[in-house]
Amino acid sequence: MCRNIRTLSNFAPPASADEVEAAALQYVRKISGTSKPSAANREAFDTAVAAVRAATEELLDALVIKAPPRDREVEAAKARARSAARFGT
């Protein structure tokens, strides 16, 4: 999994449209192997990003989660602690 794609489900507040768009863009960049498509591939690239974004929004709307929503700041602090333990910073 691409390290730049973050978990988007079960957060308070819910994932924003910008977060969903960023995840879709990162996914398409990863599987296409390019971060900036050529002019010939731009339409296909943009279409793929839109399709992934739509599928992600549909999935997030359909998920039934019984756990209480997670706090973004708490999760970020946990990630920083894991990084510090892993890389010794």
N, C-alpha and C. Protein backbone atom coordinates (compact mmCIF):
# COMPACT_ATOMS: atom_id res chain seq x y z
N MET A 1 0.85 -1.18 0.00
CA MET A 1 0.00 0.00 0.00
C MET A 1 0.89 1.23 0.00
N CYS A 2 0.46 2.20 -0.70
CA CYS A 2 1.19 3.46 -0.77
C CYS A 2 1.17 4.13 0.60
N ARG A 3 2.31 4.54 1.07
CA ARG A 3 2.40 5.14 2.41
C ARG A 3 1.64 6.46 2.52
N ASN A 4 1.40 7.13 1.41
CA ASN A 4 0.73 8.43 1.47
C ASN A 4 -0.79 8.31 1.54
N ILE A 5 -1.31 7.12 1.33
CA ILE A 5 -2.75 6.94 1.42
C ILE A 5 -3.07 6.61 2.87
N ARG A 6 -3.92 7.42 3.47
CA ARG A 6 -4.27 7.28 4.88
C ARG A 6 -5.66 6.66 5.03
N THR A 7 -5.88 6.03 6.17
CA THR A 7 -7.20 5.51 6.49
C THR A 7 -8.16 6.68 6.57
N LEU A 8 -9.31 6.53 5.94
CA LEU A 8 -10.29 7.62 5.89
C LEU A 8 -11.57 7.29 6.66
N SER A 9 -11.77 6.05 7.04
CA SER A 9 -13.04 5.70 7.67
C SER A 9 -12.98 5.87 9.18
N ASN A 10 -14.15 6.12 9.75
CA ASN A 10 -14.37 6.18 11.19
C ASN A 10 -13.58 7.28 11.89
N PHE A 11 -13.61 8.46 11.32
CA PHE A 11 -13.00 9.62 11.97
C PHE A 11 -14.07 10.66 12.25
N ALA A 12 -13.85 11.42 13.27
CA ALA A 12 -14.72 12.56 13.57
C ALA A 12 -13.86 13.81 13.47
N PRO A 13 -14.16 14.73 12.60
CA PRO A 13 -15.21 14.71 11.58
C PRO A 13 -14.84 13.76 10.45
N PRO A 14 -15.84 13.38 9.64
CA PRO A 14 -15.59 12.45 8.53
C PRO A 14 -14.57 13.01 7.54
N ALA A 15 -14.04 12.12 6.73
CA ALA A 15 -13.07 12.52 5.71
C ALA A 15 -13.66 13.59 4.81
N SER A 16 -12.86 14.59 4.51
CA SER A 16 -13.31 15.67 3.64
C SER A 16 -13.18 15.25 2.18
N ALA A 17 -13.81 16.00 1.32
CA ALA A 17 -13.70 15.75 -0.12
C ALA A 17 -12.25 15.87 -0.58
N ASP A 18 -11.51 16.81 0.01
CA ASP A 18 -10.09 16.97 -0.34
C ASP A 18 -9.27 15.75 0.05
N GLU A 19 -9.57 15.15 1.21
CA GLU A 19 -8.84 13.95 1.64
C GLU A 19 -9.14 12.77 0.72
N VAL A 20 -10.39 12.63 0.32
CA VAL A 20 -10.77 11.56 -0.58
C VAL A 20 -10.10 11.77 -1.94
N GLU A 21 -10.10 12.99 -2.43
CA GLU A 21 -9.45 13.31 -3.71
C GLU A 21 -7.95 13.00 -3.65
N ALA A 22 -7.30 13.39 -2.55
CA ALA A 22 -5.86 13.14 -2.40
C ALA A 22 -5.55 11.65 -2.39
N ALA A 23 -6.38 10.87 -1.70
CA ALA A 23 -6.18 9.42 -1.66
C ALA A 23 -6.36 8.81 -3.04
N ALA A 24 -7.38 9.26 -3.77
CA ALA A 24 -7.62 8.76 -5.12
C ALA A 24 -6.46 9.09 -6.04
N LEU A 25 -5.97 10.31 -5.94
CA LEU A 25 -4.84 10.74 -6.77
C LEU A 25 -3.60 9.91 -6.45
N GLN A 26 -3.32 9.69 -5.17
CA GLN A 26 -2.15 8.89 -4.79
C GLN A 26 -2.27 7.46 -5.30
N TYR A 27 -3.47 6.90 -5.22
CA TYR A 27 -3.68 5.54 -5.69
C TYR A 27 -3.41 5.43 -7.19
N VAL A 28 -3.98 6.35 -7.95
CA VAL A 28 -3.80 6.31 -9.40
C VAL A 28 -2.34 6.56 -9.76
N ARG A 29 -1.69 7.47 -9.07
CA ARG A 29 -0.25 7.70 -9.31
C ARG A 29 0.54 6.43 -9.06
N LYS A 30 0.22 5.72 -7.98
CA LYS A 30 0.96 4.52 -7.62
C LYS A 30 0.78 3.42 -8.68
N ILE A 31 -0.46 3.16 -9.07
CA ILE A 31 -0.67 2.04 -10.00
C ILE A 31 -0.27 2.39 -11.42
N SER A 32 -0.28 3.69 -11.76
CA SER A 32 0.12 4.07 -13.12
C SER A 32 1.63 4.23 -13.23
N GLY A 33 2.29 4.41 -12.10
CA GLY A 33 3.74 4.56 -12.11
C GLY A 33 4.20 5.95 -12.50
N THR A 34 3.30 6.91 -12.47
CA THR A 34 3.68 8.27 -12.82
C THR A 34 2.93 9.27 -11.94
N SER A 35 3.60 10.34 -11.60
CA SER A 35 2.93 11.38 -10.81
C SER A 35 2.40 12.50 -11.71
N LYS A 36 2.94 12.57 -12.92
CA LYS A 36 2.48 13.58 -13.86
C LYS A 36 2.36 12.92 -15.23
N PRO A 37 1.13 12.58 -15.64
CA PRO A 37 0.96 11.87 -16.90
C PRO A 37 1.25 12.79 -18.10
N SER A 38 1.59 12.17 -19.19
CA SER A 38 1.80 12.92 -20.43
C SER A 38 0.46 13.47 -20.92
N ALA A 39 0.53 14.39 -21.84
CA ALA A 39 -0.70 14.97 -22.40
C ALA A 39 -1.58 13.89 -23.03
N ALA A 40 -0.94 12.89 -23.63
CA ALA A 40 -1.69 11.81 -24.27
C ALA A 40 -2.45 10.96 -23.24
N ASN A 41 -1.95 10.90 -22.02
CA ASN A 41 -2.56 10.06 -20.99
C ASN A 41 -3.36 10.86 -19.96
N ARG A 42 -3.39 12.17 -20.07
CA ARG A 42 -4.04 13.02 -19.07
C ARG A 42 -5.52 12.67 -18.89
N GLU A 43 -6.25 12.50 -19.97
CA GLU A 43 -7.68 12.22 -19.86
C GLU A 43 -7.92 10.89 -19.15
N ALA A 44 -7.18 9.85 -19.52
CA ALA A 44 -7.33 8.55 -18.87
C ALA A 44 -6.98 8.64 -17.38
N PHE A 45 -5.93 9.38 -17.07
CA PHE A 45 -5.48 9.57 -15.69
C PHE A 45 -6.58 10.27 -14.88
N ASP A 46 -7.11 11.37 -15.40
CA ASP A 46 -8.15 12.12 -14.70
C ASP A 46 -9.43 11.31 -14.53
N THR A 47 -9.76 10.53 -15.55
CA THR A 47 -10.95 9.67 -15.47
C THR A 47 -10.77 8.62 -14.39
N ALA A 48 -9.58 8.06 -14.30
CA ALA A 48 -9.29 7.06 -13.26
C ALA A 48 -9.38 7.68 -11.87
N VAL A 49 -8.84 8.87 -11.69
CA VAL A 49 -8.91 9.55 -10.39
C VAL A 49 -10.37 9.78 -10.00
N ALA A 50 -11.19 10.23 -10.94
CA ALA A 50 -12.60 10.47 -10.66
C ALA A 50 -13.32 9.17 -10.29
N ALA A 51 -13.01 8.08 -10.98
CA ALA A 51 -13.65 6.80 -10.69
C ALA A 51 -13.25 6.28 -9.31
N VAL A 52 -11.98 6.41 -8.97
CA VAL A 52 -11.51 5.96 -7.66
C VAL A 52 -12.12 6.84 -6.56
N ARG A 53 -12.19 8.14 -6.80
CA ARG A 53 -12.80 9.04 -5.83
C ARG A 53 -14.25 8.65 -5.57
N ALA A 54 -15.01 8.42 -6.65
CA ALA A 54 -16.42 8.04 -6.52
C ALA A 54 -16.57 6.72 -5.77
N ALA A 55 -15.74 5.74 -6.10
CA ALA A 55 -15.81 4.45 -5.42
C ALA A 55 -15.45 4.59 -3.95
N THR A 56 -14.49 5.44 -3.64
CA THR A 56 -14.09 5.66 -2.25
C THR A 56 -15.22 6.32 -1.46
N GLU A 57 -15.85 7.33 -2.04
CA GLU A 57 -16.97 8.00 -1.37
C GLU A 57 -18.12 7.04 -1.14
N GLU A 58 -18.40 6.20 -2.14
CA GLU A 58 -19.47 5.22 -2.02
C GLU A 58 -19.16 4.23 -0.90
N LEU A 59 -17.93 3.76 -0.85
CA LEU A 59 -17.52 2.82 0.19
C LEU A 59 -17.64 3.45 1.57
N LEU A 60 -17.10 4.65 1.73
CA LEU A 60 -17.14 5.30 3.04
C LEU A 60 -18.57 5.55 3.50
N ASP A 61 -19.47 5.87 2.57
CA ASP A 61 -20.87 6.10 2.91
C ASP A 61 -21.58 4.79 3.29
N ALA A 62 -21.14 3.68 2.72
CA ALA A 62 -21.82 2.40 2.94
C ALA A 62 -21.31 1.63 4.16
N LEU A 63 -20.13 1.95 4.65
CA LEU A 63 -19.56 1.21 5.78
C LEU A 63 -20.41 1.38 7.03
N VAL A 64 -20.61 0.28 7.74
CA VAL A 64 -21.29 0.30 9.03
C VAL A 64 -20.23 0.01 10.08
N ILE A 65 -19.97 0.99 10.91
CA ILE A 65 -18.91 0.86 11.91
C ILE A 65 -19.51 1.07 13.29
N LYS A 66 -19.31 0.09 14.16
CA LYS A 66 -19.89 0.15 15.49
C LYS A 66 -18.95 0.79 16.51
N ALA A 67 -17.68 0.89 16.18
CA ALA A 67 -16.71 1.49 17.10
C ALA A 67 -16.91 3.00 17.13
N PRO A 68 -16.56 3.62 18.24
CA PRO A 68 -16.66 5.08 18.29
C PRO A 68 -15.66 5.71 17.32
N PRO A 69 -16.00 6.89 16.78
CA PRO A 69 -15.09 7.55 15.84
C PRO A 69 -13.74 7.85 16.49
N ARG A 70 -12.69 7.73 15.68
CA ARG A 70 -11.34 8.03 16.15
C ARG A 70 -11.08 9.53 16.03
N ASP A 71 -10.17 9.99 16.87
CA ASP A 71 -9.75 11.39 16.86
C ASP A 71 -8.51 11.52 15.99
N ARG A 72 -8.52 12.44 15.06
CA ARG A 72 -7.40 12.61 14.12
C ARG A 72 -6.10 12.99 14.84
N GLU A 73 -6.20 13.83 15.84
CA GLU A 73 -4.99 14.25 16.57
C GLU A 73 -4.37 13.10 17.36
N VAL A 74 -5.21 12.29 17.97
CA VAL A 74 -4.71 11.12 18.72
C VAL A 74 -4.04 10.15 17.77
N GLU A 75 -4.66 9.89 16.63
CA GLU A 75 -4.07 8.97 15.65
C GLU A 75 -2.76 9.52 15.09
N ALA A 76 -2.69 10.82 14.87
CA ALA A 76 -1.45 11.44 14.39
C ALA A 76 -0.35 11.32 15.43
N ALA A 77 -0.69 11.49 16.69
CA ALA A 77 0.31 11.35 17.77
C ALA A 77 0.82 9.91 17.84
N LYS A 78 -0.08 8.94 17.67
CA LYS A 78 0.35 7.54 17.65
C LYS A 78 1.30 7.28 16.48
N ALA A 79 1.00 7.83 15.32
CA ALA A 79 1.85 7.64 14.14
C ALA A 79 3.23 8.27 14.36
N ARG A 80 3.25 9.45 14.98
CA ARG A 80 4.55 10.08 15.27
C ARG A 80 5.36 9.24 16.25
N ALA A 81 4.70 8.66 17.25
CA ALA A 81 5.38 7.81 18.22
C ALA A 81 5.94 6.55 17.54
N ARG A 82 5.15 5.95 16.64
CA ARG A 82 5.64 4.77 15.91
C ARG A 82 6.85 5.13 15.05
N SER A 83 6.79 6.28 14.41
CA SER A 83 7.89 6.73 13.56
C SER A 83 9.14 6.97 14.40
N ALA A 84 8.98 7.60 15.54
CA ALA A 84 10.13 7.86 16.42
C ALA A 84 10.76 6.57 16.90
N ALA A 85 9.91 5.59 17.24
CA ALA A 85 10.44 4.29 17.68
C ALA A 85 11.14 3.56 16.54
N ARG A 86 10.60 3.68 15.36
CA ARG A 86 11.17 2.98 14.20
C ARG A 86 12.46 3.60 13.72
N PHE A 87 12.48 4.94 13.65
CA PHE A 87 13.64 5.62 13.07
C PHE A 87 14.55 6.27 14.11
N GLY A 88 14.16 6.20 15.38
CA GLY A 88 15.01 6.74 16.44
C GLY A 88 15.13 8.24 16.44
N THR A 89 14.06 8.94 16.06
CA THR A 89 14.11 10.40 16.07
C THR A 89 13.31 10.96 17.21
